[in-house]
Structures are given as C-alpha cells and as structure tokens.
N, C-alpha and C. Protein backbone atom coordinates (compact mmCIF):
# COMPACT_ATOMS: atom_id res chain seq x y z
N UNK A 1 -18.39 0.00 9.11
CA UNK A 1 -17.75 1.50 9.59
C UNK A 1 -16.74 1.90 8.65
N UNK A 2 -16.68 2.91 7.80
CA UNK A 2 -15.32 3.11 7.20
C UNK A 2 -14.18 3.72 8.12
N UNK A 3 -13.30 3.26 7.95
CA UNK A 3 -12.22 3.66 9.02
C UNK A 3 -11.74 4.69 7.86
N UNK A 4 -10.70 5.65 8.52
CA UNK A 4 -9.92 6.72 7.83
C UNK A 4 -8.64 6.15 7.75
N UNK A 5 -8.44 6.49 6.10
CA UNK A 5 -7.15 6.21 5.56
C UNK A 5 -6.26 7.39 6.14
N UNK A 6 -4.94 6.77 6.13
CA UNK A 6 -3.88 7.88 6.71
C UNK A 6 -2.25 7.35 5.57
N UNK A 7 -2.31 7.70 5.21
CA UNK A 7 -0.44 7.50 4.19
C UNK A 7 0.71 7.84 5.34
N UNK A 8 1.18 7.32 5.95
CA UNK A 8 2.61 7.43 6.35
C UNK A 8 3.30 8.34 5.43
N UNK A 9 4.44 9.11 5.83
CA UNK A 9 5.45 9.88 4.96
C UNK A 9 6.08 9.13 3.93
N UNK A 10 6.45 7.66 4.25
CA UNK A 10 7.30 6.96 3.26
C UNK A 10 6.39 6.77 2.14
N UNK A 11 5.03 5.91 2.72
CA UNK A 11 3.56 5.84 1.54
C UNK A 11 3.62 6.82 0.54
N UNK A 12 3.42 8.04 0.87
CA UNK A 12 2.84 8.90 0.51
C UNK A 12 4.07 9.44 -0.67
N UNK A 13 5.36 9.12 -0.41
CA UNK A 13 6.92 9.51 -1.33
C UNK A 13 7.12 8.58 -2.41
N UNK A 14 6.20 7.09 -1.53
CA UNK A 14 6.55 6.38 -2.90
C UNK A 14 5.32 5.82 -3.85
N UNK A 15 4.25 6.72 -3.40
CA UNK A 15 3.29 6.76 -4.24
C UNK A 15 3.24 7.79 -5.15
N UNK A 16 3.63 8.81 -4.91
CA UNK A 16 4.30 9.73 -5.76
C UNK A 16 5.03 9.62 -6.92
N UNK A 17 6.49 9.08 -6.36
CA UNK A 17 7.49 8.54 -7.11
C UNK A 17 6.72 6.98 -8.51
N UNK A 18 5.87 6.39 -8.00
CA UNK A 18 4.97 5.21 -8.50
C UNK A 18 4.08 6.55 -9.81
N UNK A 19 3.18 7.26 -9.05
CA UNK A 19 2.62 7.97 -10.05
C UNK A 19 3.35 8.87 -10.97
N UNK A 20 4.01 9.44 -10.88
CA UNK A 20 5.52 10.10 -11.83
C UNK A 20 5.99 8.88 -12.63
N UNK A 21 6.28 8.18 -12.23
CA UNK A 21 7.22 6.73 -13.41
C UNK A 21 5.94 6.34 -14.28
N UNK A 22 5.06 5.84 -13.30
CA UNK A 22 4.02 5.39 -14.51
C UNK A 22 3.28 6.62 -15.57
N UNK A 23 3.46 7.85 -15.23
CA UNK A 23 2.86 8.90 -16.32
C UNK A 23 3.90 9.14 -17.36
N UNK A 24 5.21 9.36 -16.70
CA UNK A 24 6.44 9.81 -17.81
C UNK A 24 6.69 8.30 -18.63
N UNK A 25 6.86 7.29 -18.41
CA UNK A 25 7.12 5.60 -18.85
C UNK A 25 6.14 4.89 -19.48
N UNK A 26 5.40 5.29 -19.25
CA UNK A 26 4.10 4.59 -19.77
C UNK A 26 2.73 5.61 -20.36
N UNK A 27 2.12 5.80 -19.38
CA UNK A 27 0.77 6.49 -20.16
C UNK A 27 -0.28 7.48 -18.95
N UNK A 28 -0.83 8.07 -19.08
CA UNK A 28 -1.77 8.91 -18.19
C UNK A 28 -2.33 7.72 -18.24
N UNK A 29 -3.28 7.14 -19.16
CA UNK A 29 -4.05 6.64 -18.61
C UNK A 29 -3.83 5.08 -17.99
N UNK A 30 -2.73 4.35 -18.51
CA UNK A 30 -2.13 3.78 -16.91
C UNK A 30 -2.17 4.25 -15.89
N UNK A 31 -1.30 5.35 -15.54
CA UNK A 31 -1.34 6.24 -13.85
C UNK A 31 -2.84 6.13 -13.38
N UNK A 32 -3.71 6.10 -14.57
CA UNK A 32 -5.11 6.73 -13.87
C UNK A 32 -5.89 5.24 -13.37
N UNK A 33 -5.38 4.12 -14.61
CA UNK A 33 -5.59 2.96 -13.85
C UNK A 33 -5.10 1.92 -12.75
N UNK A 34 -3.65 2.80 -12.59
CA UNK A 34 -3.62 2.14 -11.29
C UNK A 34 -4.07 3.00 -10.13
N UNK A 35 -4.28 4.48 -10.24
CA UNK A 35 -4.81 4.93 -9.25
C UNK A 35 -6.50 4.60 -8.98
N UNK A 36 -7.50 3.91 -9.99
CA UNK A 36 -8.66 3.29 -10.11
C UNK A 36 -8.22 2.14 -9.15
N UNK A 37 -7.21 0.95 -9.46
CA UNK A 37 -7.43 -0.10 -8.79
C UNK A 37 -6.90 0.26 -7.27
N UNK A 38 -5.91 0.83 -7.05
CA UNK A 38 -4.86 1.72 -5.60
C UNK A 38 -6.60 1.81 -4.35
N UNK A 39 -7.45 2.43 -5.32
CA UNK A 39 -8.44 2.99 -4.46
C UNK A 39 -9.46 1.80 -4.08
N UNK A 40 -9.68 0.90 -5.06
CA UNK A 40 -10.70 0.23 -4.86
C UNK A 40 -9.95 -0.77 -3.29
N UNK A 41 -9.03 -1.23 -3.77
CA UNK A 41 -8.42 -1.69 -2.78
C UNK A 41 -8.14 -1.28 -1.11
N UNK A 42 -7.91 -0.22 -1.56
CA UNK A 42 -7.38 0.80 -0.15
C UNK A 42 -9.35 0.85 0.26
N UNK A 43 -10.56 1.04 0.01
CA UNK A 43 -11.62 0.94 -0.11
C UNK A 43 -11.86 -0.47 0.83
N UNK A 44 -11.88 -1.43 0.05
CA UNK A 44 -12.01 -2.58 0.30
C UNK A 44 -11.57 -2.86 1.79
N UNK A 45 -10.00 -2.69 2.27
CA UNK A 45 -9.59 -2.54 3.48
C UNK A 45 -9.98 -1.66 4.50
N UNK A 46 -10.37 -0.91 3.93
CA UNK A 46 -10.92 0.15 4.74
C UNK A 46 -12.37 -0.27 5.49
N UNK A 47 -13.34 -1.35 4.95
CA UNK A 47 -14.32 -1.91 5.06
C UNK A 47 -14.12 -3.08 5.64
N UNK A 48 -13.06 -3.99 5.40
CA UNK A 48 -12.95 -5.18 5.80
C UNK A 48 -11.59 -5.59 5.83
N UNK A 49 -10.87 -5.03 7.13
CA UNK A 49 -8.95 -4.66 7.24
C UNK A 49 -8.66 -6.35 7.28
N UNK A 50 -9.43 -7.10 7.99
CA UNK A 50 -8.65 -8.66 8.41
C UNK A 50 -9.16 -9.50 7.18
N UNK A 51 -9.63 -9.02 6.17
CA UNK A 51 -9.96 -10.09 4.73
C UNK A 51 -8.22 -9.89 3.87
N UNK A 52 -7.60 -9.17 4.16
CA UNK A 52 -6.55 -8.96 3.29
C UNK A 52 -5.08 -9.99 4.00
N UNK A 53 -4.42 -10.29 3.23
CA UNK A 53 -3.72 -11.50 4.17
C UNK A 53 -2.67 -10.69 4.89
N UNK A 54 -2.15 -11.36 6.45
CA UNK A 54 -1.22 -11.04 7.47
C UNK A 54 0.14 -11.16 6.85
N UNK A 55 1.09 -9.99 7.06
CA UNK A 55 2.13 -10.43 6.76
C UNK A 55 2.75 -10.65 7.74
N UNK A 56 3.79 -11.73 7.15
CA UNK A 56 4.77 -12.43 7.66
C UNK A 56 6.04 -11.67 7.97
N UNK A 57 6.24 -10.19 7.58
CA UNK A 57 7.08 -9.56 7.91
C UNK A 57 7.15 -8.90 9.30
N UNK A 58 6.13 -8.46 9.55
CA UNK A 58 5.86 -8.21 11.23
C UNK A 58 4.22 -8.30 11.60
N UNK A 59 4.47 -8.43 13.00
CA UNK A 59 2.96 -8.80 13.67
C UNK A 59 2.08 -7.85 13.40
N UNK A 60 0.70 -7.94 13.06
CA UNK A 60 0.21 -7.02 12.91
C UNK A 60 -0.17 -6.08 11.33
N UNK A 61 1.10 -6.63 10.80
CA UNK A 61 1.01 -5.84 9.37
C UNK A 61 0.10 -6.91 8.62
N UNK A 62 -0.61 -5.76 7.69
CA UNK A 62 -1.60 -7.17 6.74
C UNK A 62 -0.92 -6.27 5.36
N UNK A 63 -0.75 -6.98 4.15
CA UNK A 63 -0.78 -6.89 2.93
C UNK A 63 -1.98 -6.63 2.08
N UNK A 64 -2.19 -5.98 1.29
CA UNK A 64 -2.85 -5.80 -0.32
C UNK A 64 -2.22 -5.31 -1.38
N UNK A 65 -2.29 -6.74 -2.59
CA UNK A 65 -2.01 -6.92 -3.64
C UNK A 65 -2.90 -5.87 -4.88
N UNK A 66 -2.55 -4.86 -5.09
CA UNK A 66 -2.99 -3.72 -5.80
C UNK A 66 -2.92 -4.39 -6.90
N UNK A 67 -1.52 -4.71 -7.88
CA UNK A 67 -1.16 -5.20 -8.71
C UNK A 67 0.04 -6.20 -8.96
N UNK A 68 0.30 -6.98 -9.80
CA UNK A 68 1.19 -7.80 -9.56
C UNK A 68 2.67 -7.13 -8.91
N UNK A 69 2.74 -5.86 -9.48
CA UNK A 69 3.75 -5.44 -9.14
C UNK A 69 3.73 -4.41 -8.10
N UNK A 70 2.51 -4.09 -7.44
CA UNK A 70 2.77 -3.81 -6.32
C UNK A 70 2.09 -3.83 -5.63
N UNK A 71 2.03 -3.96 -3.88
CA UNK A 71 1.37 -4.09 -2.82
C UNK A 71 1.51 -3.09 -1.92
N UNK A 72 0.62 -2.83 -1.07
CA UNK A 72 0.87 -2.37 0.12
C UNK A 72 0.50 -2.82 1.46
N UNK A 73 1.22 -2.17 2.52
CA UNK A 73 1.14 -3.14 3.65
C UNK A 73 0.39 -2.02 4.61
N UNK A 74 -0.27 -2.76 5.78
CA UNK A 74 -0.93 -1.32 6.76
C UNK A 74 -1.28 -2.16 7.88
N UNK A 75 -1.11 -1.00 8.53
CA UNK A 75 -2.02 -1.39 10.38
C UNK A 75 -3.11 -0.93 10.22
N UNK A 76 -3.91 -1.32 11.43
CA UNK A 76 -5.59 -0.63 11.64
C UNK A 76 -5.41 -0.87 13.01
N UNK A 77 -6.73 0.24 13.27
CA UNK A 77 -7.55 0.07 14.39
C UNK A 77 -8.32 0.22 14.42
N UNK A 78 -9.67 0.73 15.64
CA UNK A 78 -10.60 0.72 15.34
C UNK A 78 -11.49 1.81 14.02
N UNK A 79 -10.65 3.22 14.48
CA UNK A 79 -11.02 3.91 13.84
C UNK A 79 -10.01 4.28 12.31
N UNK A 80 -8.92 3.93 12.57
CA UNK A 80 -8.07 4.09 10.62
C UNK A 80 -7.65 3.09 10.48
N UNK A 81 -6.91 3.36 9.09
CA UNK A 81 -5.82 1.84 8.45
C UNK A 81 -4.69 2.92 7.95
N UNK A 82 -3.90 2.78 8.78
CA UNK A 82 -2.21 3.28 8.48
C UNK A 82 -1.75 2.87 7.17
N UNK A 83 -1.70 2.93 6.00
CA UNK A 83 -0.96 2.29 4.82
C UNK A 83 0.78 3.01 5.19
N UNK A 84 1.72 1.84 5.45
CA UNK A 84 3.13 2.00 6.51
C UNK A 84 3.63 1.94 4.83
N UNK A 85 3.58 1.80 4.11
CA UNK A 85 4.30 1.30 2.49
C UNK A 85 3.58 1.07 1.22
N UNK A 86 4.64 1.28 0.40
CA UNK A 86 3.55 0.68 -1.30
C UNK A 86 4.87 -0.02 -1.89
N UNK A 87 5.02 -1.30 -1.86
CA UNK A 87 6.27 -2.26 -2.34
C UNK A 87 6.23 -2.15 -3.81
N UNK A 88 7.22 -2.25 -4.26
CA UNK A 88 7.26 -2.95 -5.60
C UNK A 88 7.71 -4.42 -5.37
N UNK A 89 7.13 -5.42 -6.02
CA UNK A 89 7.20 -6.60 -5.79
C UNK A 89 8.60 -7.26 -6.41
N UNK A 90 8.89 -6.58 -7.38
CA UNK A 90 10.42 -6.79 -7.89
C UNK A 90 11.78 -6.61 -7.35
N UNK A 91 11.09 -5.90 -6.20
CA UNK A 91 12.48 -5.72 -5.29
C UNK A 91 12.60 -6.37 -4.42
N UNK A 92 14.24 -6.29 -3.61
CA UNK A 92 14.54 -7.22 -2.96
C UNK A 92 13.95 -7.49 -1.38
N UNK A 93 12.85 -8.97 -1.44
CA UNK A 93 12.05 -8.74 -0.26
C UNK A 93 12.89 -8.35 0.96
N UNK A 94 13.65 -8.18 1.07
CA UNK A 94 14.68 -8.15 2.03
C UNK A 94 14.53 -6.13 2.42
N UNK A 95 14.00 -5.31 1.77
CA UNK A 95 13.67 -3.63 1.64
C UNK A 95 12.89 -3.84 2.68
N UNK A 96 11.88 -4.63 2.22
CA UNK A 96 10.68 -4.84 3.22
C UNK A 96 10.83 -4.45 4.55
N UNK A 97 11.71 -5.44 5.13
CA UNK A 97 11.87 -4.91 6.47
C UNK A 97 12.30 -4.03 7.03
N UNK A 98 13.15 -3.37 6.46
CA UNK A 98 13.71 -1.72 6.41
C UNK A 98 12.52 -0.90 6.52
N UNK A 99 11.77 -1.11 4.85
CA UNK A 99 10.36 -0.19 5.19
C UNK A 99 9.81 -0.40 6.04
N UNK A 100 9.44 -1.40 6.64
CA UNK A 100 8.70 -1.47 8.10
C UNK A 100 8.69 -1.02 9.32
N UNK A 101 9.91 -0.89 9.41
CA UNK A 101 10.68 -0.66 10.67
C UNK A 101 10.03 0.89 11.43
N UNK A 102 9.43 1.75 10.99
CA UNK A 102 8.67 2.27 11.39
C UNK A 102 7.73 2.05 12.56
N UNK A 103 7.29 0.40 12.41
CA UNK A 103 5.81 0.53 13.01
C UNK A 103 7.00 -0.28 14.73
N UNK A 104 5.93 0.39 15.90
CA UNK A 104 6.53 0.02 16.73
C UNK A 104 7.02 -0.85 17.48
C-alpha cells in the first residue's frame, strides 16, 4: 500500500530554499536531477517505510539519504509518511535535534 506523503512546513521551506540554491548556484539540470532522486527516495519509503535507517535523534524517526549532502527525516503510520525535515549533512548535527523538536 502506498502511503500519503506529507511535508511539514519546515521540510517544505527547506526544499524550496534547496531547489532555489541548486538552480542559481549550479543549474536547472542539477536541480532536476535532485528532484528525481528525491522523488525516488520518497516513493521507496512510501512503500517500505521501515527499510530506511532509524534515526538516533528521536524514537520513531527514520532517515533516508537522498544524496551525500541531503537526508530527509520522517515519521510514518499506516496511512501516511510525514517528512519532518530535510537536512544538509554538512551542517552541525546539533541543528538536527532542534529541527526535529516538532515531534511530540
């Protein structure tokens, strides 16, 4: 069963900034390649949510590596996948704790 994908406000904002960065600093092609990789990753976790590694940051949180620089963190239940944040792996890992604090 394919679960519904929900982007948190934080994840949506980070995705918007990331795509703008890729387009302005790299190229439209690089941006489109990233979108393709992200879509494949999201479809994979929608079908197999437990296949991605469990995060050490919070219980119930999973992480999916999209590229060497980009990972998304998500929660799931029987019907949905909630992408909590999209994280640049070059950033301070301590920031990730703050970014996932929206989890009850």
